[in-house]
Amino acid sequence: MKNEMATLGINEKKYSVFQVGDIRIKFYTSPYLQKYCKINKWSDEGYIEYEGAFSTTKEIIKDTIDLKTIAKRLHLSDNVFKGIKGVQLV
């Protein structure tokens, strides 16, 4: 894979957007998620552990995203995340 870094962010409609190269995966996010604060772990199997700020609490919450399941529903290749070394927040 040419692009070794992916990005993750939230758009104005409360969807999360994961992007690497020309692949863009948009998925519904909790309406209470205000922003992603930190990526704690990335697995090139499509698994993200992150910390996020939610409007329902002042504490930062640790949570996970399983992109592999989302990619499967979109009929993307099983190795779509191979070669991605990390995820940056945008």
Protein backbone atom coordinates (compact mmCIF):
# COMPACT_ATOMS: atom_id res chain seq x y z
CA MET A 1 0.00 0.00 0.00
CA LYS A 2 1.31 3.41 -0.95
CA ASN A 3 -0.21 5.32 1.95
CA GLU A 4 1.09 4.19 5.30
CA MET A 5 -0.89 6.70 7.38
CA ALA A 6 -4.66 6.92 7.58
CA THR A 7 -6.80 9.71 9.04
CA LEU A 8 -9.82 9.64 11.34
CA GLY A 9 -12.16 12.50 12.08
CA ILE A 10 -15.76 13.56 12.50
CA ASN A 11 -17.67 15.49 9.87
CA GLU A 12 -20.41 18.04 10.52
CA LYS A 13 -23.19 15.45 10.41
CA LYS A 14 -21.75 13.35 13.27
CA TYR A 15 -20.33 10.68 11.01
CA SER A 16 -16.81 9.42 11.51
CA VAL A 17 -14.60 9.31 8.45
CA PHE A 18 -11.63 6.96 8.12
CA GLN A 19 -9.53 7.66 5.05
CA VAL A 20 -6.40 6.23 3.50
CA GLY A 21 -5.45 6.96 -0.10
CA ASP A 22 -8.58 6.83 -2.23
CA ILE A 23 -10.48 4.69 0.29
CA ARG A 24 -12.92 6.64 2.44
CA ILE A 25 -15.11 4.84 4.97
CA LYS A 26 -17.88 6.90 6.55
CA PHE A 27 -19.80 5.42 9.47
CA TYR A 28 -22.33 6.64 12.02
CA THR A 29 -20.89 7.85 15.30
CA SER A 30 -22.51 8.52 18.65
CA PRO A 31 -24.26 11.89 18.51
CA TYR A 32 -22.54 12.65 21.84
CA LEU A 33 -19.00 12.23 20.50
CA GLN A 34 -17.56 15.72 20.24
CA LYS A 35 -14.05 14.81 19.09
CA TYR A 36 -11.47 12.09 18.95
CA CYS A 37 -8.69 12.99 21.38
CA LYS A 38 -6.09 10.28 20.96
CA ILE A 39 -5.43 7.02 19.12
CA ASN A 40 -4.10 4.52 21.66
CA LYS A 41 -3.74 1.51 19.37
CA TRP A 42 -4.06 0.67 15.69
CA SER A 43 -4.08 -2.84 14.25
CA ASP A 44 -3.80 -3.38 10.50
CA GLU A 45 -6.70 -5.78 10.95
CA GLY A 46 -8.91 -2.66 11.20
CA TYR A 47 -9.11 -2.28 14.97
CA ILE A 48 -8.74 1.13 16.66
CA GLU A 49 -8.59 1.91 20.37
CA TYR A 50 -9.14 5.61 20.99
CA GLU A 51 -9.99 8.21 23.59
CA GLY A 52 -12.80 10.63 22.90
CA ALA A 53 -14.58 13.61 24.39
CA PHE A 54 -18.33 13.13 24.78
CA SER A 55 -20.90 15.79 25.64
CA THR A 56 -22.44 13.55 28.33
CA THR A 57 -19.40 13.61 30.64
CA LYS A 58 -16.37 15.75 31.44
CA GLU A 59 -14.15 12.66 31.53
CA ILE A 60 -12.36 11.36 28.47
CA ILE A 61 -13.80 7.97 27.47
CA LYS A 62 -11.80 5.05 26.06
CA ASP A 63 -13.58 3.17 23.29
CA THR A 64 -12.95 1.03 20.21
CA ILE A 65 -13.85 0.94 16.52
CA ASP A 66 -13.98 -2.30 14.54
CA LEU A 67 -13.40 -1.17 10.97
CA LYS A 68 -13.00 -4.73 9.74
CA THR A 69 -16.71 -5.41 10.31
CA ILE A 70 -17.66 -2.17 8.56
CA ALA A 71 -15.35 -2.97 5.62
CA LYS A 72 -16.87 -6.44 5.34
CA ARG A 73 -20.38 -4.95 5.08
CA LEU A 74 -19.09 -2.67 2.32
CA HIS A 75 -17.64 -5.69 0.47
CA LEU A 76 -14.09 -4.38 0.73
CA SER A 77 -11.11 -6.71 0.53
CA ASP A 78 -10.05 -8.59 3.67
CA ASN A 79 -6.61 -6.99 3.43
CA VAL A 80 -7.80 -3.42 2.86
CA PHE A 81 -6.02 -2.23 6.03
CA LYS A 82 -2.73 -4.08 5.46
CA GLY A 83 0.24 -1.75 5.21
CA ILE A 84 -1.32 1.06 7.22
CA LYS A 85 1.21 1.89 9.93
CA GLY A 86 -0.88 4.36 11.93
CA VAL A 87 -3.89 6.64 12.15
CA GLN A 88 -3.76 10.42 12.57
CA LEU A 89 -6.61 12.51 13.90
CA VAL A 90 -7.96 15.32 11.75
